[in-house]
Structures are given as structure tokens and as C-alpha cells.
Amino acid sequence: MDQGGAPPVFSVTAERDDDHLSVVVTGEVDMATADTMFQTALREPATRLTLDLREVTFFDSAAIHAVVRLAQRFPGTLRVLPSRQVRRVLEISGLGDQDWLVES
């Protein structure tokens, strides 16, 4: 059903600097886009990952699952920079105290 609105905006970019990969995500991370975020983070070989979610406006359970999987792939070297919305979702889901979640 068309509700006349514009489609949700989503973009993800990655930049590598030596063994550090920085992935910047904007817009809505949901069931349709979470795997793209996850795959982008794994596309380049890296030992450290920064996931910049400061411009994310919506974050659902599929997005949470993708971040948890990235934390498993990058133990001790993942940093997540959350937007206010992302931080709230992670706190509600019980993940607000993870060492990979950077204070903003």
C-alpha cells in the first residue's frame, strides 16, 4: 500500500586506514538494511572496526542482531558511536553497558 511518503533513506560507507575500518551509517537500519550494514563492515579486511551510527534515525531488532554479530567478529576492537535513538534502543534491549558502546 502506497502511503505517499518518500522511501526511507539509508546509506552506508566504509573507509579503511591500515587495519582500522570505519563504517558510517545514515538513515534507517532495519530488516531491509541491517545485512547491508553488516556486509559492508566485513567487506574490507580489518582488525579494528568503528561503526558510526550517529546519523541513524531508526534501529530495530535486525540492526541490534547485526551489531551483536559484529561485536563477536571484532572482540575488544569494535567501537559503536550511537545516535540518541540507537543508544535508547540498545539500553532498552539490555545492551547499554557494552564495552563497545562509546559514550556520547
Protein backbone atom coordinates (compact mmCIF):
# COMPACT_ATOMS: atom_id res chain seq x y z
CA MET A 1 0.00 0.00 0.00
CA ASP A 2 1.45 3.34 -1.07
CA GLN A 3 1.19 5.91 1.67
CA GLY A 4 2.51 8.72 -0.49
CA GLY A 5 5.71 9.22 1.50
CA ALA A 6 9.25 9.10 0.30
CA PRO A 7 11.09 5.80 0.79
CA PRO A 8 13.23 5.58 3.92
CA VAL A 9 16.72 6.94 3.45
CA PHE A 10 19.64 4.60 4.14
CA SER A 11 23.28 4.82 3.25
CA VAL A 12 26.44 3.10 4.38
CA THR A 13 30.04 3.91 3.51
CA ALA A 14 33.32 2.38 4.59
CA GLU A 15 36.80 3.81 4.79
CA ARG A 16 39.89 1.81 5.66
CA ASP A 17 43.03 3.15 7.31
CA ASP A 18 45.63 0.39 7.78
CA ASP A 19 43.92 -2.24 9.97
CA HIS A 20 41.06 0.07 11.03
CA LEU A 21 37.75 0.17 9.16
CA SER A 22 35.30 2.99 9.77
CA VAL A 23 31.71 2.37 8.65
CA VAL A 24 29.33 5.33 8.60
CA VAL A 25 25.61 4.60 8.50
CA THR A 26 22.79 7.08 8.00
CA GLY A 27 19.02 6.74 8.00
CA GLU A 28 17.01 3.69 8.98
CA VAL A 29 18.66 0.40 9.91
CA ASP A 30 16.00 -2.28 9.86
CA MET A 31 15.21 -5.72 8.48
CA ALA A 32 15.76 -4.47 4.92
CA THR A 33 19.09 -2.72 5.54
CA ALA A 34 20.81 -4.33 8.55
CA ASP A 35 22.52 -7.01 6.47
CA THR A 36 23.92 -4.37 4.11
CA MET A 37 25.43 -2.62 7.11
CA PHE A 38 26.84 -5.93 8.38
CA GLN A 39 28.28 -6.97 5.00
CA THR A 40 29.85 -3.54 4.44
CA ALA A 41 31.65 -3.88 7.78
CA LEU A 42 33.10 -7.21 6.64
CA ARG A 43 33.94 -6.23 3.06
CA GLU A 44 37.44 -4.94 3.83
CA PRO A 45 39.93 -6.92 5.96
CA ALA A 46 40.45 -5.12 9.27
CA THR A 47 41.22 -5.92 12.88
CA ARG A 48 39.52 -2.82 14.32
CA LEU A 49 36.06 -1.52 13.44
CA THR A 50 34.29 1.74 14.22
CA LEU A 51 30.59 1.71 13.47
CA ASP A 52 29.39 5.31 13.29
CA LEU A 53 25.63 5.32 13.86
CA ARG A 54 25.33 8.99 14.87
CA GLU A 55 23.09 9.75 11.87
CA VAL A 56 20.83 6.70 12.29
CA THR A 57 17.17 7.64 12.80
CA PHE A 58 15.63 4.18 13.28
CA PHE A 59 17.17 0.99 14.69
CA ASP A 60 15.26 -2.29 15.08
CA SER A 61 15.95 -5.84 16.26
CA ALA A 62 17.61 -6.81 12.97
CA ALA A 63 20.03 -3.90 13.46
CA ILE A 64 20.71 -4.98 17.05
CA HIS A 65 21.44 -8.51 15.83
CA ALA A 66 23.88 -7.18 13.20
CA VAL A 67 25.77 -5.14 15.82
CA VAL A 68 25.96 -8.11 18.21
CA ARG A 69 27.35 -10.26 15.37
CA LEU A 70 29.94 -7.57 14.62
CA ALA A 71 30.91 -7.50 18.30
CA GLN A 72 31.54 -11.25 18.06
CA ARG A 73 33.67 -10.79 14.93
CA PHE A 74 35.66 -7.89 16.42
CA PRO A 75 36.05 -8.83 20.10
CA GLY A 76 37.59 -5.97 22.03
CA THR A 77 38.15 -3.86 18.91
CA LEU A 78 34.63 -2.74 17.96
CA ARG A 79 33.55 0.82 18.75
CA VAL A 80 29.95 1.88 18.19
CA LEU A 81 29.16 5.60 18.07
CA PRO A 82 25.38 5.77 18.61
CA SER A 83 22.77 8.38 17.82
CA ARG A 84 20.34 9.21 20.61
CA GLN A 85 17.79 6.81 19.09
CA VAL A 86 20.31 3.97 18.76
CA ARG A 87 21.50 4.43 22.35
CA ARG A 88 17.91 4.31 23.61
CA VAL A 89 17.15 1.10 21.69
CA LEU A 90 20.35 -0.53 22.95
CA GLU A 91 19.59 0.50 26.53
CA ILE A 92 16.04 -0.85 26.33
CA SER A 93 17.36 -4.12 24.89
CA GLY A 94 19.82 -4.52 27.78
CA LEU A 95 22.94 -3.69 25.75
CA GLY A 96 23.52 -0.18 27.06
CA ASP A 97 26.53 -1.19 29.15
CA GLN A 98 28.55 -2.99 26.48
CA ASP A 99 32.23 -2.04 26.28
CA TRP A 100 31.91 -1.43 22.53
CA LEU A 101 29.26 1.29 23.04
CA VAL A 102 31.00 4.67 23.14
CA GLU A 103 29.66 7.38 25.44
CA SER A 104 28.41 10.36 23.51
